[in-house]
Amino acid sequence: MLKRYSQDGMPDQLKDAENLNMRLILIVKNAEIAWLDPFRDKFRKELRKEMRIWKIPDFIILNEEQARKKQFIL
């Protein structure tokens, strides 16, 4: 990490972002399964730079039913 900015108030876990293993999960409450691939493509395009900065390999977009099956929500 370049440490260009002050890290005051930042949790210790985030100070060493190079060693974080982050995944992004977006749950779209009333989305139909057919909508999820276009959402994923759009988000992948829009977040490409941020994902590279944070070294996030990919993300998951689910509807509410899928999220419940994977126990991401109750």
PDB file of N, CA and C in Angstrom:
ATOM      1  N   MET A   1       0.844  -1.177   0.000  1.00  0.00           N
ATOM      2  CA  MET A   1       0.000   0.000   0.000  1.00  0.00           C
ATOM      3  C   MET A   1       0.885   1.234   0.000  1.00  0.00           C
ATOM      4  N   LEU A   2       0.535   2.219  -0.773  1.00  0.00           N
ATOM      5  CA  LEU A   2       1.362   3.409  -0.919  1.00  0.00           C
ATOM      6  C   LEU A   2       1.298   4.345   0.278  1.00  0.00           C
ATOM      7  N   LYS A   3       0.211   4.265   1.042  1.00  0.00           N
ATOM      8  CA  LYS A   3       0.018   5.094   2.235  1.00  0.00           C
ATOM      9  C   LYS A   3       0.157   6.581   1.927  1.00  0.00           C
ATOM     10  N   ARG A   4      -0.481   6.994   0.839  1.00  0.00           N
ATOM     11  CA  ARG A   4      -0.457   8.414   0.443  1.00  0.00           C
ATOM     12  C   ARG A   4      -1.328   9.261   1.346  1.00  0.00           C
ATOM     13  N   TYR A   5      -2.339   8.647   1.948  1.00  0.00           N
ATOM     14  CA  TYR A   5      -3.298   9.378   2.760  1.00  0.00           C
ATOM     15  C   TYR A   5      -3.209   8.916   4.210  1.00  0.00           C
ATOM     16  N   SER A   6      -3.668   9.780   5.090  1.00  0.00           N
ATOM     17  CA  SER A   6      -3.683   9.440   6.505  1.00  0.00           C
ATOM     18  C   SER A   6      -4.543   8.207   6.745  1.00  0.00           C
ATOM     19  N   GLN A   7      -4.089   7.354   7.632  1.00  0.00           N
ATOM     20  CA  GLN A   7      -4.858   6.165   7.974  1.00  0.00           C
ATOM     21  C   GLN A   7      -5.505   6.296   9.344  1.00  0.00           C
ATOM     22  N   ASP A   8      -5.562   7.515   9.864  1.00  0.00           N
ATOM     23  CA  ASP A   8      -6.208   7.755  11.153  1.00  0.00           C
ATOM     24  C   ASP A   8      -7.668   7.340  11.098  1.00  0.00           C
ATOM     25  N   GLY A   9      -8.095   6.578  12.071  1.00  0.00           N
ATOM     26  CA  GLY A   9      -9.482   6.151  12.167  1.00  0.00           C
ATOM     27  C   GLY A   9      -9.829   4.941  11.316  1.00  0.00           C
ATOM     28  N   MET A  10      -8.896   4.459  10.537  1.00  0.00           N
ATOM     29  CA  MET A  10      -9.152   3.293   9.697  1.00  0.00           C
ATOM     30  C   MET A  10      -8.898   2.024  10.508  1.00  0.00           C
ATOM     31  N   PRO A  11      -9.814   1.052  10.441  1.00  0.00           N
ATOM     32  CA  PRO A  11      -9.599  -0.201  11.179  1.00  0.00           C
ATOM     33  C   PRO A  11      -8.305  -0.879  10.726  1.00  0.00           C
ATOM     34  N   ASP A  12      -7.652  -1.542  11.654  1.00  0.00           N
ATOM     35  CA  ASP A  12      -6.387  -2.219  11.338  1.00  0.00           C
ATOM     36  C   ASP A  12      -6.522  -3.192  10.172  1.00  0.00           C
ATOM     37  N   GLN A  13      -7.683  -3.854  10.069  1.00  0.00           N
ATOM     38  CA  GLN A  13      -7.889  -4.835   9.005  1.00  0.00           C
ATOM     39  C   GLN A  13      -7.836  -4.196   7.619  1.00  0.00           C
ATOM     40  N   LEU A  14      -8.214  -2.921   7.520  1.00  0.00           N
ATOM     41  CA  LEU A  14      -8.215  -2.249   6.227  1.00  0.00           C
ATOM     42  C   LEU A  14      -6.899  -1.548   5.922  1.00  0.00           C
ATOM     43  N   LYS A  15      -6.051  -1.382   6.904  1.00  0.00           N
ATOM     44  CA  LYS A  15      -4.788  -0.689   6.663  1.00  0.00           C
ATOM     45  C   LYS A  15      -3.869  -1.477   5.744  1.00  0.00           C
ATOM     46  N   ASP A  16      -3.976  -2.775   5.772  1.00  0.00           N
ATOM     47  CA  ASP A  16      -3.142  -3.613   4.923  1.00  0.00           C
ATOM     48  C   ASP A  16      -4.028  -4.270   3.868  1.00  0.00           C
ATOM     49  N   ALA A  17      -4.530  -3.469   2.930  1.00  0.00           N
ATOM     50  CA  ALA A  17      -5.485  -3.938   1.931  1.00  0.00           C
ATOM     51  C   ALA A  17      -4.905  -4.995   1.006  1.00  0.00           C
ATOM     52  N   GLU A  18      -3.609  -5.059   0.901  1.00  0.00           N
ATOM     53  CA  GLU A  18      -2.986  -6.034   0.008  1.00  0.00           C
ATOM     54  C   GLU A  18      -3.266  -7.465   0.457  1.00  0.00           C
ATOM     55  N   ASN A  19      -3.505  -7.664   1.735  1.00  0.00           N
ATOM     56  CA  ASN A  19      -3.729  -9.004   2.251  1.00  0.00           C
ATOM     57  C   ASN A  19      -5.202  -9.322   2.484  1.00  0.00           C
ATOM     58  N   LEU A  20      -6.086  -8.412   2.112  1.00  0.00           N
ATOM     59  CA  LEU A  20      -7.515  -8.662   2.276  1.00  0.00           C
ATOM     60  C   LEU A  20      -8.020  -9.588   1.180  1.00  0.00           C
ATOM     61  N   ASN A  21      -8.956 -10.414   1.523  1.00  0.00           N
ATOM     62  CA  ASN A  21      -9.621 -11.267   0.546  1.00  0.00           C
ATOM     63  C   ASN A  21     -11.085 -10.845   0.533  1.00  0.00           C
ATOM     64  N   MET A  22     -11.402  -9.848  -0.292  1.00  0.00           N
ATOM     65  CA  MET A  22     -12.747  -9.270  -0.295  1.00  0.00           C
ATOM     66  C   MET A  22     -13.570  -9.814  -1.442  1.00  0.00           C
ATOM     67  N   ARG A  23     -14.846  -9.976  -1.177  1.00  0.00           N
ATOM     68  CA  ARG A  23     -15.830 -10.344  -2.185  1.00  0.00           C
ATOM     69  C   ARG A  23     -16.989  -9.366  -2.052  1.00  0.00           C
ATOM     70  N   LEU A  24     -17.521  -8.955  -3.167  1.00  0.00           N
ATOM     71  CA  LEU A  24     -18.694  -8.096  -3.165  1.00  0.00           C
ATOM     72  C   LEU A  24     -19.908  -8.950  -3.489  1.00  0.00           C
ATOM     73  N   ILE A  25     -20.962  -8.755  -2.714  1.00  0.00           N
ATOM     74  CA  ILE A  25     -22.216  -9.471  -2.945  1.00  0.00           C
ATOM     75  C   ILE A  25     -23.330  -8.440  -2.977  1.00  0.00           C
ATOM     76  N   LEU A  26     -24.043  -8.388  -4.094  1.00  0.00           N
ATOM     77  CA  LEU A  26     -25.182  -7.485  -4.242  1.00  0.00           C
ATOM     78  C   LEU A  26     -26.435  -8.340  -4.308  1.00  0.00           C
ATOM     79  N   ILE A  27     -27.384  -8.046  -3.437  1.00  0.00           N
ATOM     80  CA  ILE A  27     -28.658  -8.758  -3.440  1.00  0.00           C
ATOM     81  C   ILE A  27     -29.729  -7.781  -3.905  1.00  0.00           C
ATOM     82  N   VAL A  28     -30.363  -8.120  -5.023  1.00  0.00           N
ATOM     83  CA  VAL A  28     -31.423  -7.292  -5.588  1.00  0.00           C
ATOM     84  C   VAL A  28     -32.740  -7.971  -5.241  1.00  0.00           C
ATOM     85  N   LYS A  29     -33.472  -7.350  -4.345  1.00  0.00           N
ATOM     86  CA  LYS A  29     -34.628  -7.975  -3.702  1.00  0.00           C
ATOM     87  C   LYS A  29     -35.607  -8.624  -4.679  1.00  0.00           C
ATOM     88  N   ASN A  30     -36.134  -7.908  -5.616  1.00  0.00           N
ATOM     89  CA  ASN A  30     -37.195  -8.432  -6.479  1.00  0.00           C
ATOM     90  C   ASN A  30     -36.723  -8.715  -7.904  1.00  0.00           C
ATOM     91  N   ALA A  31     -35.456  -8.984  -8.096  1.00  0.00           N
ATOM     92  CA  ALA A  31     -34.922  -9.210  -9.440  1.00  0.00           C
ATOM     93  C   ALA A  31     -35.279 -10.600  -9.946  1.00  0.00           C
ATOM     94  N   GLU A  32     -35.594 -10.657 -11.216  1.00  0.00           N
ATOM     95  CA  GLU A  32     -35.784 -11.944 -11.869  1.00  0.00           C
ATOM     96  C   GLU A  32     -34.405 -12.484 -12.234  1.00  0.00           C
ATOM     97  N   ILE A  33     -34.275 -13.795 -12.284  1.00  0.00           N
ATOM     98  CA  ILE A  33     -32.977 -14.406 -12.573  1.00  0.00           C
ATOM     99  C   ILE A  33     -32.430 -13.918 -13.921  1.00  0.00           C
ATOM    100  N   ALA A  34     -33.288 -13.706 -14.897  1.00  0.00           N
ATOM    101  CA  ALA A  34     -32.851 -13.254 -16.221  1.00  0.00           C
ATOM    102  C   ALA A  34     -32.205 -11.870 -16.179  1.00  0.00           C
ATOM    103  N   TRP A  35     -32.506 -11.067 -15.176  1.00  0.00           N
ATOM    104  CA  TRP A  35     -31.942  -9.722 -15.075  1.00  0.00           C
ATOM    105  C   TRP A  35     -30.523  -9.733 -14.519  1.00  0.00           C
ATOM    106  N   LEU A  36     -30.141 -10.785 -13.833  1.00  0.00           N
ATOM    107  CA  LEU A  36     -28.895 -10.765 -13.066  1.00  0.00           C
ATOM    108  C   LEU A  36     -27.643 -10.720 -13.938  1.00  0.00           C
ATOM    109  N   ASP A  37     -27.611 -11.434 -15.046  1.00  0.00           N
ATOM    110  CA  ASP A  37     -26.431 -11.382 -15.914  1.00  0.00           C
ATOM    111  C   ASP A  37     -26.196  -9.987 -16.495  1.00  0.00           C
ATOM    112  N   PRO A  38     -27.234  -9.299 -17.011  1.00  0.00           N
ATOM    113  CA  PRO A  38     -26.997  -7.919 -17.481  1.00  0.00           C
ATOM    114  C   PRO A  38     -26.544  -6.982 -16.352  1.00  0.00           C
ATOM    115  N   PHE A  39     -27.103  -7.143 -15.136  1.00  0.00           N
ATOM    116  CA  PHE A  39     -26.636  -6.364 -13.984  1.00  0.00           C
ATOM    117  C   PHE A  39     -25.157  -6.620 -13.747  1.00  0.00           C
ATOM    118  N   ARG A  40     -24.783  -7.883 -13.734  1.00  0.00           N
ATOM    119  CA  ARG A  40     -23.399  -8.273 -13.465  1.00  0.00           C
ATOM    120  C   ARG A  40     -22.459  -7.659 -14.507  1.00  0.00           C
ATOM    121  N   ASP A  41     -22.853  -7.714 -15.770  1.00  0.00           N
ATOM    122  CA  ASP A  41     -22.020  -7.142 -16.832  1.00  0.00           C
ATOM    123  C   ASP A  41     -21.847  -5.635 -16.659  1.00  0.00           C
ATOM    124  N   LYS A  42     -22.939  -4.960 -16.340  1.00  0.00           N
ATOM    125  CA  LYS A  42     -22.889  -3.502 -16.149  1.00  0.00           C
ATOM    126  C   LYS A  42     -22.016  -3.136 -14.946  1.00  0.00           C
ATOM    127  N   PHE A  43     -22.213  -3.814 -13.825  1.00  0.00           N
ATOM    128  CA  PHE A  43     -21.415  -3.534 -12.637  1.00  0.00           C
ATOM    129  C   PHE A  43     -19.949  -3.845 -12.867  1.00  0.00           C
ATOM    130  N   ARG A  44     -19.664  -4.942 -13.555  1.00  0.00           N
ATOM    131  CA  ARG A  44     -18.271  -5.312 -13.843  1.00  0.00           C
ATOM    132  C   ARG A  44     -17.596  -4.204 -14.656  1.00  0.00           C
ATOM    133  N   LYS A  45     -18.312  -3.657 -15.620  1.00  0.00           N
ATOM    134  CA  LYS A  45     -17.760  -2.576 -16.448  1.00  0.00           C
ATOM    135  C   LYS A  45     -17.552  -1.300 -15.632  1.00  0.00           C
ATOM    136  N   GLU A  46     -18.549  -0.930 -14.841  1.00  0.00           N
ATOM    137  CA  GLU A  46     -18.491   0.318 -14.079  1.00  0.00           C
ATOM    138  C   GLU A  46     -17.495   0.266 -12.917  1.00  0.00           C
ATOM    139  N   LEU A  47     -17.302  -0.889 -12.323  1.00  0.00           N
ATOM    140  CA  LEU A  47     -16.450  -1.011 -11.137  1.00  0.00           C
ATOM    141  C   LEU A  47     -15.059  -1.570 -11.439  1.00  0.00           C
ATOM    142  N   ARG A  48     -14.719  -1.696 -12.706  1.00  0.00           N
ATOM    143  CA  ARG A  48     -13.445  -2.305 -13.101  1.00  0.00           C
ATOM    144  C   ARG A  48     -12.247  -1.666 -12.394  1.00  0.00           C
ATOM    145  N   LYS A  49     -12.163  -0.342 -12.392  1.00  0.00           N
ATOM    146  CA  LYS A  49     -11.012   0.343 -11.769  1.00  0.00           C
ATOM    147  C   LYS A  49     -10.973   0.115 -10.262  1.00  0.00           C
ATOM    148  N   GLU A  50     -12.112   0.255  -9.602  1.00  0.00           N
ATOM    149  CA  GLU A  50     -12.159   0.070  -8.155  1.00  0.00           C
ATOM    150  C   GLU A  50     -11.816  -1.366  -7.769  1.00  0.00           C
ATOM    151  N   MET A  51     -12.296  -2.316  -8.555  1.00  0.00           N
ATOM    152  CA  MET A  51     -11.998  -3.714  -8.246  1.00  0.00           C
ATOM    153  C   MET A  51     -10.506  -4.000  -8.400  1.00  0.00           C
ATOM    154  N   ARG A  52      -9.879  -3.359  -9.366  1.00  0.00           N
ATOM    155  CA  ARG A  52      -8.438  -3.534  -9.549  1.00  0.00           C
ATOM    156  C   ARG A  52      -7.680  -2.896  -8.381  1.00  0.00           C
ATOM    157  N   ILE A  53      -8.096  -1.719  -7.953  1.00  0.00           N
ATOM    158  CA  ILE A  53      -7.443  -1.032  -6.839  1.00  0.00           C
ATOM    159  C   ILE A  53      -7.496  -1.884  -5.576  1.00  0.00           C
ATOM    160  N   TRP A  54      -8.665  -2.448  -5.289  1.00  0.00           N
ATOM    161  CA  TRP A  54      -8.869  -3.233  -4.071  1.00  0.00           C
ATOM    162  C   TRP A  54      -8.563  -4.711  -4.265  1.00  0.00           C
ATOM    163  N   LYS A  55      -8.152  -5.092  -5.467  1.00  0.00           N
ATOM    164  CA  LYS A  55      -7.817  -6.487  -5.800  1.00  0.00           C
ATOM    165  C   LYS A  55      -8.990  -7.430  -5.517  1.00  0.00           C
ATOM    166  N   ILE A  56     -10.164  -7.006  -5.961  1.00  0.00           N
ATOM    167  CA  ILE A  56     -11.368  -7.826  -5.822  1.00  0.00           C
ATOM    168  C   ILE A  56     -11.520  -8.616  -7.118  1.00  0.00           C
ATOM    169  N   PRO A  57     -11.455  -9.941  -7.057  1.00  0.00           N
ATOM    170  CA  PRO A  57     -11.461 -10.732  -8.285  1.00  0.00           C
ATOM    171  C   PRO A  57     -12.790 -10.691  -9.051  1.00  0.00           C
ATOM    172  N   ASP A  58     -13.886 -10.678  -8.352  1.00  0.00           N
ATOM    173  CA  ASP A  58     -15.187 -10.666  -8.998  1.00  0.00           C
ATOM    174  C   ASP A  58     -16.237 -10.413  -7.929  1.00  0.00           C
ATOM    175  N   PHE A  59     -17.476 -10.405  -8.318  1.00  0.00           N
ATOM    176  CA  PHE A  59     -18.548 -10.200  -7.352  1.00  0.00           C
ATOM    177  C   PHE A  59     -19.738 -11.044  -7.732  1.00  0.00           C
ATOM    178  N   ILE A  60     -20.648 -11.153  -6.795  1.00  0.00           N
ATOM    179  CA  ILE A  60     -21.833 -11.977  -6.980  1.00  0.00           C
ATOM    180  C   ILE A  60     -23.057 -11.073  -6.922  1.00  0.00           C
ATOM    181  N   ILE A  61     -23.974 -11.284  -7.854  1.00  0.00           N
ATOM    182  CA  ILE A  61     -25.267 -10.600  -7.807  1.00  0.00           C
ATOM    183  C   ILE A  61     -26.339 -11.685  -7.735  1.00  0.00           C
ATOM    184  N   LEU A  62     -27.170 -11.577  -6.714  1.00  0.00           N
ATOM    185  CA  LEU A  62     -28.211 -12.574  -6.468  1.00  0.00           C
ATOM    186  C   LEU A  62     -29.555 -11.877  -6.280  1.00  0.00           C
ATOM    187  N   ASN A  63     -30.624 -12.623  -6.518  1.00  0.00           N
ATOM    188  CA  ASN A  63     -31.920 -12.113  -6.102  1.00  0.00           C
ATOM    189  C   ASN A  63     -32.186 -12.624  -4.683  1.00  0.00           C
ATOM    190  N   GLU A  64     -33.288 -12.209  -4.103  1.00  0.00           N
ATOM    191  CA  GLU A  64     -33.566 -12.552  -2.705  1.00  0.00           C
ATOM    192  C   GLU A  64     -33.666 -14.059  -2.489  1.00  0.00           C
ATOM    193  N   GLU A  65     -34.302 -14.757  -3.413  1.00  0.00           N
ATOM    194  CA  GLU A  65     -34.467 -16.211  -3.285  1.00  0.00           C
ATOM    195  C   GLU A  65     -33.104 -16.923  -3.279  1.00  0.00           C
ATOM    196  N   GLN A  66     -32.223 -16.541  -4.190  1.00  0.00           N
ATOM    197  CA  GLN A  66     -30.896 -17.150  -4.253  1.00  0.00           C
ATOM    198  C   GLN A  66     -30.094 -16.844  -2.987  1.00  0.00           C
ATOM    199  N   ALA A  67     -30.218 -15.612  -2.491  1.00  0.00           N
ATOM    200  CA  ALA A  67     -29.491 -15.219  -1.286  1.00  0.00           C
ATOM    201  C   ALA A  67     -29.962 -16.014  -0.070  1.00  0.00           C
ATOM    202  N   ARG A  68     -31.254 -16.288   0.006  1.00  0.00           N
ATOM    203  CA  ARG A  68     -31.779 -17.100   1.103  1.00  0.00           C
ATOM    204  C   ARG A  68     -31.244 -18.530   1.026  1.00  0.00           C
ATOM    205  N   LYS A  69     -31.199 -19.099  -0.181  1.00  0.00           N
ATOM    206  CA  LYS A  69     -30.693 -20.457  -0.355  1.00  0.00           C
ATOM    207  C   LYS A  69     -29.227 -20.562   0.058  1.00  0.00           C
ATOM    208  N   LYS A  70     -28.450 -19.507  -0.206  1.00  0.00           N
ATOM    209  CA  LYS A  70     -27.034 -19.510   0.160  1.00  0.00           C
ATOM    210  C   LYS A  70     -26.810 -19.020   1.593  1.00  0.00           C
ATOM    211  N   GLN A  71     -27.914 -18.708   2.282  1.00  0.00           N
ATOM    212  CA  GLN A  71     -27.907 -18.243   3.667  1.00  0.00           C
ATOM    213  C   GLN A  71     -27.163 -16.923   3.861  1.00  0.00           C
ATOM    214  N   PHE A  72     -27.198 -16.068   2.836  1.00  0.00           N
ATOM    215  CA  PHE A  72     -26.657 -14.721   2.998  1.00  0.00           C
ATOM    216  C   PHE A  72     -27.643 -13.832   3.755  1.00  0.00           C
ATOM    217  N   ILE A  73     -28.930 -14.172   3.658  1.00  0.00           N
ATOM    218  CA  ILE A  73     -29.968 -13.464   4.406  1.00  0.00           C
ATOM    219  C   ILE A  73     -30.891 -14.495   5.038  1.00  0.00           C
ATOM    220  N   LEU A  74     -31.621 -14.070   6.060  1.00  0.00           N
ATOM    221  CA  LEU A  74     -32.557 -14.974   6.754  1.00  0.00           C
ATOM    222  C   LEU A  74     -33.948 -14.849   6.196  1.00  0.00           C
TER     223      LEU A  74
END
